[in-house]
C-alpha cells in the first residue's frame, strides 16, 4: 500500500513538474525556449507565464525579424529575451527586435561580422556584457558607445 501511494505521488509530481517545464522548439526558422509556467532566470528575474526566449537560428538568414509572439498549439508565448549566444557568429546582416523584448543576454550577437543594421525597441531594459562584441554593427559605433532610446 505504501509503495502504491508512493508511485502515485511520484507520477503526480512528475506531471506537475513537466507542466511548467521549459520546451525548446523551432518556429519560423528561429529556435525558442518556451516557458509555459513561467521560470526563474539565472539572473534571479522571475518571468511571467507563457514567455519565450530566442536561443538560435534553424538556418542562417541575412535578415531576421523576431516576432513579438509565437504560438505552439493553442498557447501564445510572448518573446521577452534574446538568449546568450543566440546569434553568435551567424551571418545575419539585419535584425528586427520587437518591443516585447526587454533583455539581450551576453554574447547574443557576438562575432556577427555581417551585422550592419539593428532595430532595437526603446523600452529595452537590459543589455548584458559582450552582447554585440566583435560584431560589424558594434564596431561601427562611435567610441564603442551604444545608444538605445534614453539608454547608453
Protein backbone atom coordinates (compact mmCIF):
# COMPACT_ATOMS: atom_id res chain seq x y z
CA UNK A 1 0.00 0.00 0.00
CA UNK A 2 2.83 2.41 0.87
CA UNK A 3 4.60 1.60 -2.41
CA UNK A 4 1.41 2.17 -4.38
CA UNK A 5 0.85 5.57 -2.71
CA UNK A 6 4.49 6.49 -3.34
CA UNK A 7 4.17 5.57 -7.04
CA UNK A 8 1.01 7.66 -7.41
CA UNK A 9 2.67 10.60 -5.65
CA UNK A 10 5.74 10.27 -7.91
CA UNK A 11 3.56 10.23 -11.05
CA UNK A 12 1.59 13.26 -9.81
CA UNK A 13 4.76 15.23 -9.02
CA UNK A 14 6.29 14.29 -12.37
CA UNK A 15 3.23 15.50 -14.24
CA UNK A 16 3.13 18.72 -12.21
CA UNK A 17 6.80 19.43 -12.86
CA UNK A 18 6.56 18.76 -16.59
CA UNK A 19 3.55 21.06 -16.99
CA UNK A 20 5.81 24.04 -16.25
CA UNK A 21 8.98 22.72 -17.84
CA UNK A 22 10.95 24.57 -20.47
CA UNK A 23 10.39 23.39 -24.03
CA UNK A 24 12.67 24.12 -26.99
CA UNK A 25 11.02 24.47 -30.40
CA UNK A 26 11.83 25.81 -33.85
CA UNK A 27 9.16 28.18 -35.09
CA UNK A 28 9.58 30.06 -38.37
CA UNK A 29 13.30 29.31 -38.61
CA UNK A 30 14.11 30.56 -35.10
CA UNK A 31 14.76 28.35 -32.06
CA UNK A 32 12.95 29.34 -28.86
CA UNK A 33 12.93 28.19 -25.28
CA UNK A 34 9.26 28.28 -24.29
CA UNK A 35 8.23 28.57 -20.65
CA UNK A 36 4.53 27.73 -20.21
CA UNK A 37 4.54 28.12 -16.43
CA UNK A 38 6.99 30.99 -16.06
CA UNK A 39 10.51 30.47 -14.78
CA UNK A 40 13.35 31.83 -12.67
CA UNK A 41 16.20 33.06 -14.85
CA UNK A 42 19.79 32.65 -13.69
CA UNK A 43 19.91 36.43 -13.09
CA UNK A 44 17.21 35.99 -10.46
CA UNK A 45 14.49 37.59 -12.59
CA UNK A 46 11.13 35.88 -12.36
CA UNK A 47 9.36 35.84 -15.72
CA UNK A 48 5.62 35.57 -16.14
CA UNK A 49 3.82 32.60 -17.67
CA UNK A 50 3.97 31.89 -21.40
CA UNK A 51 7.30 33.58 -22.05
CA UNK A 52 9.66 32.81 -24.94
CA UNK A 53 13.41 33.29 -25.28
CA UNK A 54 15.18 33.33 -28.66
CA UNK A 55 18.07 30.84 -28.48
CA UNK A 56 19.25 30.48 -32.08
CA UNK A 57 18.56 30.15 -35.76
CA UNK A 58 17.44 26.99 -37.51
CA UNK A 59 19.41 28.14 -40.55
CA UNK A 60 21.41 31.24 -41.42
CA UNK A 61 19.37 34.20 -42.65
CA UNK A 62 20.52 37.60 -43.96
CA UNK A 63 17.56 39.34 -42.32
CA UNK A 64 15.84 38.24 -39.14
CA UNK A 65 12.50 39.57 -37.95
CA UNK A 66 11.79 38.36 -34.43
CA UNK A 67 8.03 38.35 -33.76
CA UNK A 68 6.52 39.71 -30.53
CA UNK A 69 4.66 36.44 -30.02
CA UNK A 70 4.95 32.82 -31.14
CA UNK A 71 2.27 30.16 -30.97
CA UNK A 72 2.64 26.48 -30.18
CA UNK A 73 -0.59 24.52 -30.24
CA UNK A 74 -3.18 26.74 -28.57
CA UNK A 75 -0.66 28.62 -26.42
CA UNK A 76 0.69 32.07 -27.26
CA UNK A 77 4.16 32.90 -25.89
CA UNK A 78 5.45 36.48 -25.62
CA UNK A 79 9.05 36.85 -26.79
CA UNK A 80 10.85 38.61 -23.90
CA UNK A 81 14.53 37.69 -24.19
CA UNK A 82 17.27 37.11 -26.74
CA UNK A 83 19.36 34.43 -25.07
CA UNK A 84 23.10 34.15 -24.55
CA UNK A 85 24.97 33.43 -27.79
CA UNK A 86 21.66 33.13 -29.69
CA UNK A 87 23.06 34.55 -32.94
CA UNK A 88 26.77 34.21 -32.15
CA UNK A 89 28.96 34.05 -35.26
CA UNK A 90 25.95 33.96 -37.61
CA UNK A 91 25.94 35.78 -40.97
CA UNK A 92 22.85 37.87 -40.14
CA UNK A 93 23.03 41.38 -41.66
CA UNK A 94 19.84 42.94 -40.26
CA UNK A 95 17.78 42.13 -37.20
CA UNK A 96 14.43 43.50 -36.06
CA UNK A 97 13.82 43.17 -32.33
CA UNK A 98 10.17 43.66 -31.30
CA UNK A 99 9.00 45.91 -28.43
CA UNK A 100 8.14 42.84 -26.34
CA UNK A 101 11.87 42.05 -25.87
CA UNK A 102 13.28 43.59 -22.70
CA UNK A 103 16.64 41.78 -22.39
CA UNK A 104 19.53 40.88 -24.68
CA UNK A 105 21.80 38.41 -22.93
CA UNK A 106 25.60 38.02 -23.01
CA UNK A 107 27.13 37.34 -26.41
CA UNK A 108 23.76 37.30 -28.19
CA UNK A 109 25.23 38.89 -31.34
CA UNK A 110 28.94 38.37 -30.63
CA UNK A 111 31.01 37.70 -33.73
CA UNK A 112 28.24 38.66 -36.18
CA UNK A 113 30.67 40.33 -38.59
CA UNK A 114 27.99 40.97 -41.24
CA UNK A 115 25.54 42.65 -38.84
CA UNK A 116 25.25 46.25 -40.02
CA UNK A 117 21.71 47.25 -39.04
CA UNK A 118 19.63 46.54 -35.98
CA UNK A 119 16.17 47.77 -34.99
CA UNK A 120 16.07 47.90 -31.18
CA UNK A 121 12.96 48.84 -29.17
CA UNK A 122 13.14 51.94 -26.98
CA UNK A 123 11.81 50.03 -23.97
CA UNK A 124 14.78 47.65 -23.87
CA UNK A 125 15.79 47.27 -20.19
CA UNK A 126 18.88 45.05 -20.13
CA UNK A 127 21.82 44.59 -22.47
CA UNK A 128 24.26 42.19 -20.85
CA UNK A 129 28.02 42.11 -21.27
CA UNK A 130 29.51 41.45 -24.69
CA UNK A 131 26.06 41.23 -26.29
CA UNK A 132 27.39 42.78 -29.52
CA UNK A 133 31.09 42.09 -29.03
CA UNK A 134 33.08 41.86 -32.26
CA UNK A 135 30.03 42.42 -34.48
CA UNK A 136 30.06 44.66 -37.55
CA UNK A 137 27.35 46.86 -36.05
CA UNK A 138 29.15 47.36 -32.74
CA UNK A 139 32.49 48.04 -34.42
CA UNK A 140 30.84 50.86 -36.43
CA UNK A 141 29.65 52.68 -33.27
CA UNK A 142 31.49 55.80 -32.07
CA UNK A 143 33.93 55.03 -29.26
CA UNK A 144 32.07 51.78 -28.57
CA UNK A 145 29.07 53.59 -27.02
CA UNK A 146 25.59 52.26 -27.69
CA UNK A 147 22.50 54.45 -27.56
CA UNK A 148 19.02 52.92 -27.39
CA UNK A 149 16.22 55.36 -26.68
CA UNK A 150 17.27 57.05 -23.45
CA UNK A 151 19.77 54.34 -22.53
CA UNK A 152 23.51 54.38 -23.08
